[in-house]
N, C-alpha and C. Protein backbone atom coordinates (compact mmCIF):
# COMPACT_ATOMS: atom_id res chain seq x y z
N MET A 1 -42.52 -13.23 -92.10
CA MET A 1 -43.45 -12.14 -91.71
C MET A 1 -42.92 -11.11 -90.45
N ALA A 2 -42.94 -10.16 -90.24
CA ALA A 2 -42.88 -9.44 -89.02
C ALA A 2 -44.20 -8.49 -88.91
N LEU A 3 -43.92 -8.39 -87.50
CA LEU A 3 -44.96 -7.85 -86.68
C LEU A 3 -44.45 -6.68 -86.65
N ILE A 4 -45.38 -5.23 -86.98
CA ILE A 4 -45.12 -3.87 -86.79
C ILE A 4 -46.40 -3.49 -85.84
N GLY A 5 -46.13 -2.74 -85.10
CA GLY A 5 -46.86 -2.30 -84.11
C GLY A 5 -47.17 -0.84 -83.84
N LEU A 6 -48.56 -0.51 -83.52
CA LEU A 6 -48.82 0.66 -83.64
C LEU A 6 -49.78 1.20 -82.24
N VAL A 7 -49.41 2.44 -81.54
CA VAL A 7 -49.63 2.65 -80.41
C VAL A 7 -50.21 3.97 -80.50
N ARG A 8 -51.65 4.04 -80.15
CA ARG A 8 -52.41 5.26 -80.42
C ARG A 8 -52.87 5.98 -79.29
N VAL A 9 -52.79 6.83 -78.30
CA VAL A 9 -53.59 7.71 -77.70
C VAL A 9 -54.04 9.16 -78.16
N SER A 10 -55.10 9.48 -77.63
CA SER A 10 -55.70 10.96 -78.49
C SER A 10 -54.80 11.87 -77.92
N THR A 11 -54.25 12.36 -76.93
CA THR A 11 -53.40 13.52 -76.62
C THR A 11 -52.32 13.10 -75.60
N ASP A 12 -51.68 14.10 -75.67
CA ASP A 12 -49.90 14.06 -74.78
C ASP A 12 -50.32 13.66 -73.46
N LYS A 13 -51.19 13.76 -73.06
CA LYS A 13 -51.52 13.64 -71.53
C LYS A 13 -51.63 12.25 -71.01
N GLN A 14 -52.22 11.39 -72.15
CA GLN A 14 -52.45 10.10 -71.81
C GLN A 14 -51.23 9.06 -71.98
N ASN A 15 -51.40 8.02 -71.00
CA ASN A 15 -50.14 7.37 -70.96
C ASN A 15 -50.17 5.91 -71.84
N VAL A 16 -48.80 6.03 -72.60
CA VAL A 16 -48.93 4.80 -73.63
C VAL A 16 -48.02 3.46 -72.99
N ASP A 17 -48.06 3.24 -71.67
CA ASP A 17 -47.14 2.24 -71.15
C ASP A 17 -47.80 0.77 -71.39
N ARG A 18 -49.04 1.06 -71.02
CA ARG A 18 -49.72 -0.58 -71.31
C ARG A 18 -49.70 -0.86 -72.46
N GLN A 19 -49.69 -0.07 -73.69
CA GLN A 19 -49.94 -0.43 -75.03
C GLN A 19 -48.25 -0.66 -75.50
N HIS A 20 -47.65 -0.07 -75.29
CA HIS A 20 -45.88 -0.27 -75.15
C HIS A 20 -45.58 -1.89 -74.80
N ASP A 21 -45.96 -2.06 -73.69
CA ASP A 21 -45.86 -3.23 -72.68
C ASP A 21 -46.25 -4.35 -73.32
N ALA A 22 -47.45 -4.35 -74.22
CA ALA A 22 -48.05 -5.48 -74.92
C ALA A 22 -47.21 -5.68 -76.41
N LEU A 23 -46.60 -4.38 -76.92
CA LEU A 23 -46.11 -4.52 -78.24
C LEU A 23 -44.58 -4.70 -78.27
N ASP A 24 -43.84 -4.06 -77.38
CA ASP A 24 -42.57 -3.98 -77.46
C ASP A 24 -41.59 -5.12 -77.99
N ASP A 25 -41.95 -6.13 -77.12
CA ASP A 25 -41.41 -7.31 -76.70
C ASP A 25 -41.42 -7.89 -78.15
N ILE A 26 -42.78 -8.27 -78.83
CA ILE A 26 -43.24 -8.82 -80.11
C ILE A 26 -42.98 -8.22 -81.37
N CYS A 27 -42.99 -7.02 -81.41
CA CYS A 27 -42.76 -6.37 -83.00
C CYS A 27 -41.40 -5.86 -83.19
N VAL A 28 -41.03 -5.92 -84.39
CA VAL A 28 -39.60 -5.20 -84.55
C VAL A 28 -39.44 -3.81 -84.80
N LYS A 29 -40.65 -3.43 -84.68
CA LYS A 29 -40.90 -1.71 -84.68
C LYS A 29 -42.07 -1.25 -84.23
N VAL A 30 -42.05 -0.22 -83.61
CA VAL A 30 -43.51 0.22 -82.66
C VAL A 30 -43.51 1.61 -83.39
N PHE A 31 -44.59 1.89 -83.91
CA PHE A 31 -44.98 3.39 -84.08
C PHE A 31 -45.82 3.97 -83.10
N GLU A 32 -45.70 5.18 -82.84
CA GLU A 32 -46.52 5.75 -81.93
C GLU A 32 -47.53 6.91 -82.39
N GLU A 33 -48.36 7.29 -82.08
CA GLU A 33 -49.14 8.62 -82.17
C GLU A 33 -49.71 9.11 -81.42
N LYS A 34 -49.90 10.34 -81.12
CA LYS A 34 -51.03 10.96 -79.88
C LYS A 34 -51.77 11.76 -80.80
N ILE A 35 -53.21 11.27 -81.25
CA ILE A 35 -53.87 12.07 -82.07
C ILE A 35 -55.13 11.38 -82.16
N SER A 36 -56.25 12.30 -82.34
CA SER A 36 -57.72 11.61 -82.31
C SER A 36 -57.64 10.13 -83.53
N GLY A 37 -58.38 9.34 -82.81
CA GLY A 37 -58.54 7.99 -83.50
C GLY A 37 -60.15 8.41 -84.67
N LYS A 38 -60.38 9.39 -84.67
CA LYS A 38 -61.31 9.70 -85.62
C LYS A 38 -61.18 9.99 -86.85
N LEU A 39 -59.69 10.41 -87.25
CA LEU A 39 -59.06 10.88 -88.20
C LEU A 39 -58.96 9.84 -89.24
N ALA A 40 -58.91 10.20 -90.45
CA ALA A 40 -58.69 9.21 -91.70
C ALA A 40 -57.31 8.60 -91.69
N VAL A 41 -57.13 7.63 -92.37
CA VAL A 41 -55.80 7.07 -92.14
C VAL A 41 -54.69 7.91 -92.86
N ASP A 42 -54.96 8.44 -93.64
CA ASP A 42 -53.93 9.65 -94.51
C ASP A 42 -53.75 10.68 -93.67
N GLU A 43 -54.51 10.77 -92.31
CA GLU A 43 -54.39 12.26 -91.41
C GLU A 43 -53.58 11.99 -90.19
N ARG A 44 -53.30 10.37 -90.31
CA ARG A 44 -52.84 10.15 -88.90
C ARG A 44 -51.13 9.54 -89.16
N PRO A 45 -50.43 10.56 -88.52
CA PRO A 45 -49.01 10.15 -89.00
C PRO A 45 -48.28 8.72 -88.64
N GLY A 46 -48.69 8.50 -87.24
CA GLY A 46 -47.98 6.85 -86.73
C GLY A 46 -48.41 5.90 -87.36
N LEU A 47 -49.84 6.25 -87.91
CA LEU A 47 -50.29 4.89 -88.64
C LEU A 47 -49.95 5.26 -90.48
N SER A 48 -49.53 6.24 -90.93
CA SER A 48 -49.43 6.49 -91.97
C SER A 48 -47.51 5.87 -92.14
N ALA A 49 -46.96 6.25 -91.02
CA ALA A 49 -45.32 5.98 -91.25
C ALA A 49 -45.69 4.43 -90.98
N ALA A 50 -46.21 3.77 -90.31
CA ALA A 50 -46.22 2.46 -89.95
C ALA A 50 -46.61 1.56 -91.38
N LEU A 51 -47.68 2.13 -92.14
CA LEU A 51 -48.06 1.59 -93.34
C LEU A 51 -46.82 1.81 -94.42
N ASP A 52 -45.97 2.95 -94.29
CA ASP A 52 -44.85 3.13 -95.01
C ASP A 52 -44.06 2.03 -95.23
N TYR A 53 -43.90 1.72 -93.92
CA TYR A 53 -42.66 0.70 -93.31
C TYR A 53 -43.08 -1.05 -93.66
N LEU A 54 -44.23 -0.98 -93.59
CA LEU A 54 -44.66 -2.45 -93.62
C LEU A 54 -44.15 -2.86 -95.16
N ARG A 55 -44.08 -4.28 -95.14
CA ARG A 55 -43.70 -4.69 -96.66
C ARG A 55 -44.68 -6.13 -96.54
N GLU A 56 -44.66 -6.48 -97.88
CA GLU A 56 -45.54 -7.56 -98.06
C GLU A 56 -45.44 -8.93 -97.06
N GLY A 57 -46.52 -9.47 -96.29
CA GLY A 57 -46.31 -10.27 -95.55
C GLY A 57 -46.46 -9.76 -94.02
N ASP A 58 -45.86 -8.69 -93.69
CA ASP A 58 -45.85 -8.03 -92.33
C ASP A 58 -47.45 -7.82 -91.88
N MET A 59 -47.47 -7.77 -90.63
CA MET A 59 -48.68 -7.49 -90.23
C MET A 59 -48.68 -6.48 -89.12
N LEU A 60 -49.43 -5.40 -89.17
CA LEU A 60 -49.75 -4.38 -88.44
C LEU A 60 -50.45 -4.65 -87.12
N THR A 61 -49.91 -4.58 -86.35
CA THR A 61 -50.17 -5.23 -84.65
C THR A 61 -50.71 -4.17 -83.59
N VAL A 62 -51.90 -4.37 -83.12
CA VAL A 62 -52.26 -3.58 -82.06
C VAL A 62 -52.75 -4.01 -80.88
N GLN A 63 -52.60 -3.19 -79.51
CA GLN A 63 -53.27 -4.27 -78.44
C GLN A 63 -54.53 -4.48 -78.42
N GLU A 64 -55.34 -3.59 -78.88
CA GLU A 64 -57.00 -3.46 -78.66
C GLU A 64 -57.73 -3.16 -80.16
N VAL A 65 -58.61 -3.42 -80.74
CA VAL A 65 -58.92 -2.92 -82.02
C VAL A 65 -59.34 -1.54 -82.34
N ASP A 66 -59.69 -0.96 -80.84
CA ASP A 66 -60.13 0.20 -81.16
C ASP A 66 -59.15 1.60 -81.20
N ARG A 67 -57.72 0.91 -81.02
CA ARG A 67 -56.68 1.75 -81.34
C ARG A 67 -56.44 1.99 -82.80
N LEU A 68 -57.08 1.37 -83.54
CA LEU A 68 -57.36 1.62 -84.98
C LEU A 68 -58.13 2.96 -85.08
N GLY A 69 -59.09 3.18 -84.59
CA GLY A 69 -60.42 4.00 -84.81
C GLY A 69 -61.16 4.22 -83.38
N ARG A 70 -61.28 5.59 -83.18
CA ARG A 70 -61.92 5.44 -81.76
C ARG A 70 -63.55 5.58 -81.58
N ASP A 71 -64.21 5.45 -82.90
CA ASP A 71 -65.67 5.14 -83.02
C ASP A 71 -65.69 3.98 -84.00
N THR A 72 -67.27 3.53 -84.06
CA THR A 72 -67.26 2.37 -84.78
C THR A 72 -67.04 2.63 -86.43
N LEU A 73 -67.49 3.77 -87.06
CA LEU A 73 -67.72 4.04 -88.39
C LEU A 73 -65.79 4.17 -88.62
N THR A 74 -65.09 4.71 -87.83
CA THR A 74 -64.11 5.23 -88.27
C THR A 74 -63.05 4.04 -88.22
N GLY A 75 -63.35 3.10 -87.19
CA GLY A 75 -62.41 1.91 -86.91
C GLY A 75 -62.77 0.91 -88.02
N LEU A 76 -63.93 0.82 -88.72
CA LEU A 76 -64.27 -0.01 -89.75
C LEU A 76 -63.76 0.49 -91.37
N THR A 77 -64.01 1.87 -91.22
CA THR A 77 -63.01 2.47 -92.28
C THR A 77 -61.71 2.40 -92.62
N THR A 78 -61.33 2.52 -91.43
CA THR A 78 -59.60 2.16 -91.16
C THR A 78 -59.14 0.84 -91.63
N LEU A 79 -59.95 -0.21 -91.11
CA LEU A 79 -59.77 -1.46 -91.52
C LEU A 79 -60.01 -1.77 -92.78
N ALA A 80 -61.21 -1.26 -93.47
CA ALA A 80 -61.42 -1.53 -94.86
C ALA A 80 -60.08 -1.31 -95.75
N GLU A 81 -59.43 -0.06 -95.43
CA GLU A 81 -58.60 0.71 -95.90
C GLU A 81 -57.30 -0.20 -96.00
N LEU A 82 -57.22 -0.87 -94.89
CA LEU A 82 -55.65 -1.48 -94.29
C LEU A 82 -56.07 -2.90 -95.44
N PHE A 83 -57.01 -3.39 -95.39
CA PHE A 83 -57.24 -4.81 -95.98
C PHE A 83 -57.19 -4.64 -97.30
N LYS A 84 -57.55 -3.35 -97.81
CA LYS A 84 -57.89 -2.92 -99.20
C LYS A 84 -56.38 -2.88 -99.77
N ARG A 85 -54.98 -2.57 -98.97
CA ARG A 85 -53.84 -2.38 -99.36
C ARG A 85 -53.19 -3.70 -99.23
N GLY A 86 -54.01 -4.66 -98.70
CA GLY A 86 -53.36 -6.12 -98.66
C GLY A 86 -52.65 -6.18 -97.54
N ILE A 87 -53.07 -5.40 -96.41
CA ILE A 87 -52.29 -5.37 -95.23
C ILE A 87 -53.13 -6.11 -93.89
N ALA A 88 -52.48 -7.45 -93.34
CA ALA A 88 -53.20 -8.17 -91.97
C ALA A 88 -52.92 -7.31 -90.88
N VAL A 89 -54.42 -7.53 -90.18
CA VAL A 89 -53.99 -6.88 -88.72
C VAL A 89 -54.17 -8.10 -87.79
N LYS A 90 -53.31 -7.68 -86.78
CA LYS A 90 -53.27 -8.73 -85.56
C LYS A 90 -53.89 -8.04 -84.37
N VAL A 91 -54.65 -8.24 -83.79
CA VAL A 91 -55.32 -7.82 -82.59
C VAL A 91 -54.77 -8.64 -81.27
N LEU A 92 -54.30 -8.29 -80.29
CA LEU A 92 -53.52 -8.99 -79.46
C LEU A 92 -54.69 -8.89 -78.04
N GLU A 93 -55.59 -7.95 -77.54
CA GLU A 93 -56.49 -8.12 -76.66
C GLU A 93 -57.76 -8.12 -77.06
N GLY A 94 -58.90 -8.56 -76.46
CA GLY A 94 -60.03 -8.12 -76.61
C GLY A 94 -60.77 -9.20 -77.18
N ILE A 95 -62.43 -8.75 -77.81
CA ILE A 95 -63.17 -9.57 -78.83
C ILE A 95 -62.71 -10.07 -80.10
N GLY A 96 -61.98 -8.71 -80.34
CA GLY A 96 -61.36 -8.96 -81.78
C GLY A 96 -60.04 -9.38 -82.00
N ALA A 97 -59.64 -10.06 -80.56
CA ALA A 97 -58.00 -10.67 -80.69
C ALA A 97 -58.04 -11.82 -81.87
N GLY A 98 -56.71 -11.62 -82.35
CA GLY A 98 -56.52 -12.66 -83.55
C GLY A 98 -55.92 -12.02 -84.58
N GLU A 99 -55.49 -13.11 -85.65
CA GLU A 99 -55.05 -12.35 -87.07
C GLU A 99 -56.37 -11.95 -88.03
N HIS A 100 -56.24 -11.16 -88.72
CA HIS A 100 -57.31 -10.80 -89.70
C HIS A 100 -56.65 -10.38 -90.82
N THR A 101 -57.20 -10.95 -92.10
CA THR A 101 -56.95 -10.33 -93.33
C THR A 101 -58.08 -9.86 -94.38
N GLU A 102 -59.34 -9.82 -93.66
CA GLU A 102 -60.41 -9.08 -94.16
C GLU A 102 -61.36 -8.80 -92.90
N SER A 103 -62.39 -7.91 -93.24
CA SER A 103 -63.42 -7.30 -92.21
C SER A 103 -64.23 -8.87 -92.03
N ASN A 104 -64.84 -8.77 -90.70
CA ASN A 104 -65.45 -9.69 -90.12
C ASN A 104 -66.35 -9.43 -89.23
N LEU A 105 -67.47 -10.26 -88.64
CA LEU A 105 -68.41 -9.77 -87.92
C LEU A 105 -67.59 -9.73 -86.44
N LEU A 106 -66.67 -10.80 -85.95
CA LEU A 106 -65.69 -10.39 -84.75
C LEU A 106 -65.36 -9.06 -84.65
N LEU A 107 -64.64 -8.49 -85.64
CA LEU A 107 -64.23 -7.14 -85.61
C LEU A 107 -65.01 -6.13 -85.55
N GLU A 108 -65.92 -6.19 -86.15
CA GLU A 108 -67.08 -5.20 -85.92
C GLU A 108 -67.65 -5.16 -84.66
N LEU A 109 -68.01 -6.43 -84.26
CA LEU A 109 -68.65 -6.37 -82.67
C LEU A 109 -67.63 -5.62 -81.68
N ALA A 110 -66.39 -5.96 -82.13
CA ALA A 110 -65.24 -5.42 -80.97
C ALA A 110 -65.72 -3.95 -80.86
N LEU A 111 -65.69 -3.52 -82.29
CA LEU A 111 -65.43 -1.66 -82.41
C LEU A 111 -66.89 -1.12 -81.99
N VAL A 112 -67.97 -2.13 -82.21
CA VAL A 112 -69.22 -1.71 -81.80
C VAL A 112 -69.20 -1.54 -80.16
N LEU A 113 -68.84 -2.47 -79.53
CA LEU A 113 -68.71 -2.82 -77.91
C LEU A 113 -67.99 -1.71 -77.52
N ALA A 114 -66.75 -1.25 -78.19
CA ALA A 114 -65.36 -0.33 -77.63
C ALA A 114 -66.36 1.07 -77.67
N ALA A 115 -67.31 1.14 -78.61
CA ALA A 115 -68.03 2.77 -78.70
C ALA A 115 -68.74 2.96 -77.77
N GLU A 116 -69.58 1.74 -77.59
CA GLU A 116 -70.66 1.52 -76.44
C GLU A 116 -70.04 2.16 -75.04
N ARG A 117 -68.64 1.29 -74.59
CA ARG A 117 -68.27 1.39 -73.36
C ARG A 117 -68.02 3.05 -73.39
N ARG A 118 -67.47 3.55 -74.27
CA ARG A 118 -67.12 5.03 -74.19
C ARG A 118 -68.14 6.04 -74.04
N ARG A 119 -69.64 5.38 -74.46
CA ARG A 119 -70.55 6.49 -74.51
C ARG A 119 -71.07 6.04 -73.49
N ASP A 120 -71.17 4.94 -72.72
CA ASP A 120 -71.58 4.51 -71.13
C ASP A 120 -70.86 5.25 -70.15
N ILE A 121 -69.51 5.42 -70.20
CA ILE A 121 -68.92 5.95 -69.34
C ILE A 121 -69.12 7.59 -69.42
N VAL A 122 -69.40 8.17 -70.66
CA VAL A 122 -69.71 9.55 -70.46
C VAL A 122 -70.99 9.93 -70.05
N LYS A 123 -72.05 8.76 -70.08
CA LYS A 123 -73.23 9.10 -69.61
C LYS A 123 -73.32 8.97 -68.03
N LYS A 124 -72.76 7.97 -67.73
CA LYS A 124 -72.66 7.69 -66.46
C LYS A 124 -71.92 8.75 -65.58
N THR A 125 -70.92 9.48 -66.36
CA THR A 125 -70.14 10.54 -65.38
C THR A 125 -70.95 11.74 -65.61
N ASN A 126 -71.64 11.98 -66.54
CA ASN A 126 -72.56 13.47 -66.52
C ASN A 126 -73.63 13.26 -65.70
N ASP A 127 -74.40 11.97 -65.58
CA ASP A 127 -75.70 11.67 -64.85
C ASP A 127 -75.13 11.85 -63.23
N GLY A 128 -74.04 11.40 -63.01
CA GLY A 128 -73.64 11.46 -61.57
C GLY A 128 -73.36 12.99 -61.20
N LEU A 129 -72.91 13.76 -61.87
CA LEU A 129 -72.60 15.35 -62.08
C LEU A 129 -73.94 15.81 -62.00
N VAL A 130 -75.09 15.64 -62.66
CA VAL A 130 -76.21 16.34 -62.74
C VAL A 130 -76.93 15.96 -61.25
N ALA A 131 -76.65 14.84 -60.89
CA ALA A 131 -77.46 14.31 -59.77
C ALA A 131 -77.12 14.98 -58.75
N ALA A 132 -75.57 14.83 -58.30
CA ALA A 132 -74.85 15.50 -57.40
C ALA A 132 -75.23 17.20 -57.31
N ARG A 133 -75.08 17.64 -58.55
CA ARG A 133 -75.29 19.38 -58.53
C ARG A 133 -76.84 19.43 -57.92
N ALA A 134 -77.73 18.64 -58.37
CA ALA A 134 -79.18 18.70 -57.95
C ALA A 134 -79.54 18.91 -56.56
N ARG A 135 -78.27 18.01 -55.82
CA ARG A 135 -78.09 17.84 -54.27
C ARG A 135 -77.43 18.94 -53.68
N GLY A 136 -76.68 19.89 -54.48
CA GLY A 136 -76.03 20.97 -54.04
C GLY A 136 -74.50 20.45 -53.63
N ARG A 137 -74.35 19.51 -54.51
CA ARG A 137 -72.49 19.05 -54.36
C ARG A 137 -72.26 19.11 -55.87
N VAL A 138 -71.05 19.20 -55.88
CA VAL A 138 -70.31 18.58 -57.04
C VAL A 138 -69.89 17.59 -57.49
N GLY A 139 -69.93 16.77 -56.23
CA GLY A 139 -69.74 15.13 -56.75
C GLY A 139 -70.23 14.30 -55.67
N GLY A 140 -70.09 13.13 -55.46
CA GLY A 140 -70.49 12.49 -54.36
C GLY A 140 -69.81 12.51 -53.40
N ARG A 141 -69.27 11.41 -52.76
CA ARG A 141 -68.14 11.30 -51.41
C ARG A 141 -67.09 12.21 -51.88
N ARG A 142 -66.35 12.83 -51.00
CA ARG A 142 -65.18 13.74 -51.37
C ARG A 142 -64.14 12.75 -51.74
N PRO A 143 -63.59 12.93 -52.91
CA PRO A 143 -62.34 11.88 -53.42
C PRO A 143 -61.21 12.25 -52.83
N VAL A 144 -60.34 11.25 -52.32
CA VAL A 144 -59.17 11.28 -52.02
C VAL A 144 -58.08 12.02 -53.07
N MET A 145 -58.17 11.67 -54.25
CA MET A 145 -57.59 12.21 -55.02
C MET A 145 -58.27 13.57 -55.65
N THR A 146 -57.97 14.65 -55.16
CA THR A 146 -58.70 15.93 -55.61
C THR A 146 -58.12 16.08 -56.92
N GLU A 147 -58.58 16.98 -57.56
CA GLU A 147 -58.37 17.52 -58.83
C GLU A 147 -56.71 18.28 -58.77
N ALA A 148 -56.56 18.90 -57.77
CA ALA A 148 -55.00 19.16 -57.87
C ALA A 148 -54.12 17.85 -57.86
N LEU A 149 -54.36 17.43 -57.34
CA LEU A 149 -53.43 15.75 -56.80
C LEU A 149 -53.66 15.08 -58.34
N VAL A 150 -54.80 15.12 -58.67
CA VAL A 150 -54.74 14.34 -60.05
C VAL A 150 -53.78 15.33 -61.11
N VAL A 151 -53.86 16.40 -61.23
CA VAL A 151 -53.10 17.45 -62.17
C VAL A 151 -51.61 16.91 -61.87
N GLN A 152 -51.12 16.79 -60.83
CA GLN A 152 -49.95 16.57 -60.02
C GLN A 152 -49.74 15.15 -60.55
N ALA A 153 -50.20 14.51 -60.19
CA ALA A 153 -50.30 12.91 -60.54
C ALA A 153 -50.02 12.69 -62.16
N VAL A 154 -50.88 13.37 -62.96
CA VAL A 154 -50.68 13.64 -64.63
C VAL A 154 -49.57 13.90 -65.04
N ALA A 155 -48.85 14.88 -64.45
CA ALA A 155 -47.83 15.71 -64.66
C ALA A 155 -46.59 14.78 -64.14
N LEU A 156 -46.18 14.21 -63.24
CA LEU A 156 -45.45 13.48 -62.80
C LEU A 156 -45.28 11.88 -63.65
N ARG A 157 -46.60 11.72 -64.03
CA ARG A 157 -46.42 10.29 -65.13
C ARG A 157 -46.21 10.99 -66.53
N GLY A 158 -46.39 11.91 -66.85
CA GLY A 158 -45.57 12.52 -67.98
C GLY A 158 -44.17 12.59 -68.17
N GLN A 159 -43.86 12.74 -66.93
CA GLN A 159 -42.08 12.82 -66.76
C GLN A 159 -41.57 11.51 -66.51
N GLY A 160 -42.53 10.22 -66.72
CA GLY A 160 -41.99 8.76 -67.00
C GLY A 160 -42.00 8.03 -65.60
N PHE A 161 -42.62 8.58 -64.41
CA PHE A 161 -42.81 8.16 -62.98
C PHE A 161 -44.08 7.09 -63.24
N SER A 162 -43.70 5.85 -62.08
CA SER A 162 -44.59 4.95 -62.30
C SER A 162 -45.00 5.25 -61.11
N ILE A 163 -46.58 4.44 -61.07
CA ILE A 163 -47.47 4.46 -59.92
C ILE A 163 -46.80 4.49 -58.65
N LYS A 164 -46.13 3.60 -58.27
CA LYS A 164 -45.53 3.61 -57.03
C LYS A 164 -44.23 4.81 -56.66
N GLN A 165 -43.62 5.52 -57.53
CA GLN A 165 -42.79 6.83 -57.83
C GLN A 165 -43.72 8.01 -57.58
N ILE A 166 -44.98 7.87 -57.91
CA ILE A 166 -45.69 9.28 -57.83
C ILE A 166 -46.33 9.17 -56.58
N GLN A 167 -46.72 7.85 -55.59
CA GLN A 167 -47.27 7.86 -54.42
C GLN A 167 -46.49 9.39 -53.34
N PRO A 168 -45.19 8.95 -53.13
CA PRO A 168 -44.40 9.52 -52.29
C PRO A 168 -44.78 10.88 -52.33
N HIS A 169 -44.90 11.61 -53.78
CA HIS A 169 -44.92 13.00 -54.18
C HIS A 169 -46.08 13.80 -53.67
N LEU A 170 -47.25 12.77 -53.53
CA LEU A 170 -48.82 13.34 -53.48
C LEU A 170 -49.25 13.29 -52.07
N ARG A 171 -49.55 14.51 -51.46
CA ARG A 171 -50.14 14.37 -49.86
C ARG A 171 -51.76 14.86 -49.79
N ILE A 172 -52.45 14.17 -49.06
CA ILE A 172 -53.86 14.54 -48.80
C ILE A 172 -53.82 15.80 -48.20
N THR A 173 -54.50 16.85 -48.35
CA THR A 173 -54.64 18.03 -47.44
C THR A 173 -56.03 18.12 -46.95
N GLU A 174 -56.70 17.04 -47.22
CA GLU A 174 -58.31 17.57 -46.04
C GLU A 174 -58.92 16.06 -45.87
N GLY A 175 -59.68 16.13 -44.49
CA GLY A 175 -60.44 14.96 -44.29
C GLY A 175 -59.34 14.01 -43.02
N LYS A 176 -60.21 13.08 -43.25
CA LYS A 176 -59.53 12.39 -42.05
C LYS A 176 -58.08 11.32 -42.52
N ASN A 177 -58.04 11.60 -43.42
CA ASN A 177 -56.64 11.06 -44.10
C ASN A 177 -55.36 12.47 -44.29
N LYS A 178 -55.98 13.44 -44.05
CA LYS A 178 -54.96 14.80 -43.97
C LYS A 178 -53.72 14.33 -43.94
N GLY A 179 -52.93 14.55 -44.71
CA GLY A 179 -51.35 14.47 -44.36
C GLY A 179 -50.63 12.96 -44.86
N LYS A 180 -51.58 12.07 -45.36
CA LYS A 180 -50.93 10.97 -45.61
C LYS A 180 -50.89 10.83 -47.11
N HIS A 181 -50.10 9.87 -47.53
CA HIS A 181 -50.43 9.65 -49.08
C HIS A 181 -51.68 8.94 -49.51
N PRO A 182 -51.74 9.38 -50.61
CA PRO A 182 -52.90 8.70 -51.32
C PRO A 182 -52.45 7.06 -51.72
N SER A 183 -53.49 6.14 -51.66
CA SER A 183 -52.97 4.79 -51.94
C SER A 183 -52.52 4.42 -53.32
N THR A 184 -51.67 3.56 -54.17
CA THR A 184 -51.45 3.20 -55.34
C THR A 184 -52.74 3.22 -56.39
N GLY A 185 -53.81 2.57 -55.34
CA GLY A 185 -54.94 2.36 -56.16
C GLY A 185 -56.04 3.19 -56.33
N ALA A 186 -55.98 4.42 -55.47
CA ALA A 186 -56.55 5.57 -55.48
C ALA A 186 -55.96 6.13 -56.64
N ILE A 187 -54.74 6.16 -56.68
CA ILE A 187 -54.04 7.20 -57.69
C ILE A 187 -53.97 6.80 -59.31
N SER A 188 -54.14 5.33 -59.11
CA SER A 188 -54.21 4.61 -60.69
C SER A 188 -55.38 4.84 -60.58
N GLN A 189 -56.81 4.55 -59.89
CA GLN A 189 -58.17 5.11 -60.42
C GLN A 189 -58.35 6.23 -60.85
N ALA A 190 -57.63 7.03 -60.11
CA ALA A 190 -57.75 8.63 -60.67
C ALA A 190 -57.21 9.11 -62.17
N LEU A 191 -55.96 8.09 -62.46
CA LEU A 191 -55.43 8.36 -63.71
C LEU A 191 -56.32 7.78 -64.91
N ARG A 192 -56.75 6.60 -64.39
CA ARG A 192 -57.43 5.70 -65.48
C ARG A 192 -58.78 6.45 -65.77
N GLN A 193 -59.46 7.32 -64.70
CA GLN A 193 -60.69 7.96 -64.91
C GLN A 193 -60.22 9.22 -65.83
N HIS A 194 -59.07 9.95 -65.29
CA HIS A 194 -58.69 11.13 -66.27
C HIS A 194 -58.43 11.00 -67.67
N ASP A 195 -57.77 9.54 -67.91
CA ASP A 195 -57.62 9.16 -69.29
C ASP A 195 -59.15 8.92 -69.93
N GLU A 196 -59.82 8.41 -69.27
CA GLU A 196 -61.12 7.87 -70.13
C GLU A 196 -61.83 9.46 -70.29
N GLU A 197 -62.06 10.02 -69.62
CA GLU A 197 -62.27 11.42 -69.53
C GLU A 197 -62.09 12.23 -70.92
N VAL A 198 -60.24 11.97 -70.87
CA VAL A 198 -59.88 12.92 -72.09
C VAL A 198 -60.00 11.82 -73.46
N GLU A 199 -60.18 10.64 -73.67
CA GLU A 199 -60.51 10.08 -74.47
C GLU A 199 -61.74 10.09 -75.22
N CYS A 200 -62.83 10.57 -74.35
CA CYS A 200 -64.27 10.31 -74.75
C CYS A 200 -64.56 11.98 -74.74
N ALA A 201 -63.45 12.91 -74.56
CA ALA A 201 -63.80 14.38 -74.89
C ALA A 201 -64.01 14.59 -76.08
């Protein structure tokens, strides 16, 4: 039995390193796609290529079950299609972690919770923006990572830079920390928020 990995993000701007770190060392081959998880199996090139490569007894492996589908319905439909073809699925992390040969409540719960988490992120972000605008502000406390710095960080990450390598290239332009480099924590948080917003868009 061989483990065949699948890495998925929705856009070219999103980082795939975390998924590759989880899959590369244990899978004989890892397929990657940067496309919406809302699409059907046959419309997803990375997933389709992985399915063509899989042989009897092999197992499709993902870091988390929502890499198979962005929302509950799509995820369940994708899993049903895989199991119908006799393809087992291995999930490394999260509520659905384990090896699966058929749909079950654990997988369904994992997909539901992932969808709820995305909806909650979008709602909280929108509620915060509405409240801030009502007070005449674009947001809450002025962030260290301004939009310009986030754009720069995303671009550097896209060139393969790590967070530590990105830090020296960024410089705060206003406020009490003007002239200093933002912390790696602030950069990481800003990039994570950017990715979540892109994923939920």
